[in-house]
């Protein structure tokens, strides 16, 4: 079984920060924000083992914006977009599922 290395992109890091700010400050729920991001990070870490087994995303928006080799994993109401190259997983974005039509 291949164990993949996880690489975070700058866009992914910005998305995490924005998500935290929205929940912690916008909704005034810093504890909820920490728990939500902890669960999200756990899901991202699971990609070390399952990234290669997941199918390519067939969503037109994702293909047009990020390419045909993009994969998607959902966590609650967000989509984790990533690409796999050899034994490396590049986490591209964390986006609300509602904008991926």
Protein backbone atom coordinates (compact mmCIF):
# COMPACT_ATOMS: atom_id res chain seq x y z
CA UNK A 1 0.00 0.00 0.00
CA UNK A 2 1.32 3.42 -0.97
CA UNK A 3 1.59 6.05 1.72
CA UNK A 4 1.31 9.50 0.19
CA UNK A 5 3.07 12.66 1.32
CA UNK A 6 0.68 15.59 1.88
CA UNK A 7 1.74 18.99 0.53
CA UNK A 8 -0.31 22.07 1.37
CA UNK A 9 -0.54 24.82 -1.24
CA UNK A 10 -0.72 28.52 -0.43
CA UNK A 11 -4.36 28.65 -1.58
CA UNK A 12 -5.22 25.80 0.78
CA UNK A 13 -3.57 27.62 3.71
CA UNK A 14 -5.52 30.79 2.87
CA UNK A 15 -8.76 28.80 2.65
CA UNK A 16 -8.16 27.32 6.11
CA UNK A 17 -7.52 30.77 7.57
CA UNK A 18 -10.63 32.20 5.92
CA UNK A 19 -12.76 29.30 7.11
CA UNK A 20 -11.51 29.75 10.67
CA UNK A 21 -12.18 33.51 10.55
CA UNK A 22 -15.72 33.03 9.25
CA UNK A 23 -16.63 30.55 11.97
CA UNK A 24 -14.68 32.05 14.88
CA UNK A 25 -15.31 35.75 14.22
CA UNK A 26 -18.26 35.88 11.84
CA UNK A 27 -20.33 33.38 13.81
CA UNK A 28 -18.60 34.17 17.12
CA UNK A 29 -17.77 30.51 17.71
CA UNK A 30 -14.01 30.07 18.20
CA UNK A 31 -14.38 26.68 19.89
CA UNK A 32 -16.54 25.40 17.03
CA UNK A 33 -13.99 26.76 14.55
CA UNK A 34 -11.16 24.87 16.24
CA UNK A 35 -13.15 21.63 16.31
CA UNK A 36 -14.26 22.02 12.70
CA UNK A 37 -10.71 22.62 11.49
CA UNK A 38 -9.41 19.73 13.58
CA UNK A 39 -11.90 17.40 11.88
CA UNK A 40 -11.03 18.83 8.49
CA UNK A 41 -7.30 18.36 9.11
CA UNK A 42 -7.92 14.76 10.21
CA UNK A 43 -9.76 14.14 6.94
CA UNK A 44 -6.88 15.66 4.96
CA UNK A 45 -4.43 13.41 6.83
CA UNK A 46 -6.48 10.37 5.79
CA UNK A 47 -5.47 11.15 2.22
CA UNK A 48 -2.05 9.72 3.08
CA UNK A 49 -3.65 6.30 2.71
CA UNK A 50 -6.67 6.73 0.42
CA UNK A 51 -5.76 9.43 -2.14
CA UNK A 52 -4.89 7.02 -4.93
CA UNK A 53 -8.12 5.06 -4.56
CA UNK A 54 -10.41 8.07 -4.96
CA UNK A 55 -11.83 8.82 -8.43
CA UNK A 56 -11.20 11.97 -10.43
CA UNK A 57 -13.83 14.64 -9.94
CA UNK A 58 -16.33 14.77 -12.81
CA UNK A 59 -17.83 18.14 -11.86
CA UNK A 60 -17.63 20.59 -14.76
CA UNK A 61 -16.77 23.59 -12.52
CA UNK A 62 -13.87 21.72 -10.91
CA UNK A 63 -12.53 20.43 -14.24
CA UNK A 64 -12.65 23.88 -15.86
CA UNK A 65 -11.06 25.65 -12.89
CA UNK A 66 -8.55 23.05 -11.63
CA UNK A 67 -8.11 20.46 -14.38
CA UNK A 68 -9.11 16.91 -15.21
CA UNK A 69 -6.69 15.32 -12.72
CA UNK A 70 -8.34 16.94 -9.71
CA UNK A 71 -9.87 14.73 -7.07
CA UNK A 72 -12.41 15.68 -4.42
CA UNK A 73 -13.08 14.55 -0.87
CA UNK A 74 -15.95 16.03 1.13
CA UNK A 75 -15.88 17.00 4.78
CA UNK A 76 -19.21 18.18 6.17
CA UNK A 77 -20.14 21.13 3.92
CA UNK A 78 -16.76 21.74 2.27
CA UNK A 79 -14.93 20.04 -0.59
CA UNK A 80 -11.23 19.24 -0.35
CA UNK A 81 -9.75 19.51 -3.85
CA UNK A 82 -6.43 17.80 -4.47
CA UNK A 83 -4.16 16.25 -7.08
CA UNK A 84 -1.99 13.16 -6.82
CA UNK A 85 1.41 13.07 -8.52
CA UNK A 86 3.41 9.89 -7.94
CA UNK A 87 3.38 9.53 -4.15
CA UNK A 88 2.57 13.17 -3.34
CA UNK A 89 -0.86 14.68 -2.67
CA UNK A 90 -1.15 18.40 -3.36
CA UNK A 91 -4.06 19.94 -1.45
CA UNK A 92 -5.30 22.66 -3.80
CA UNK A 93 -8.32 24.24 -2.13
CA UNK A 94 -10.97 23.93 0.54
CA UNK A 95 -14.20 25.25 -0.96
CA UNK A 96 -17.82 25.37 0.17
CA UNK A 97 -19.74 22.63 -1.61
CA UNK A 98 -22.41 25.18 -2.50
CA UNK A 99 -20.13 26.98 -4.99
CA UNK A 100 -19.25 23.77 -6.80
CA UNK A 101 -22.33 23.47 -8.91
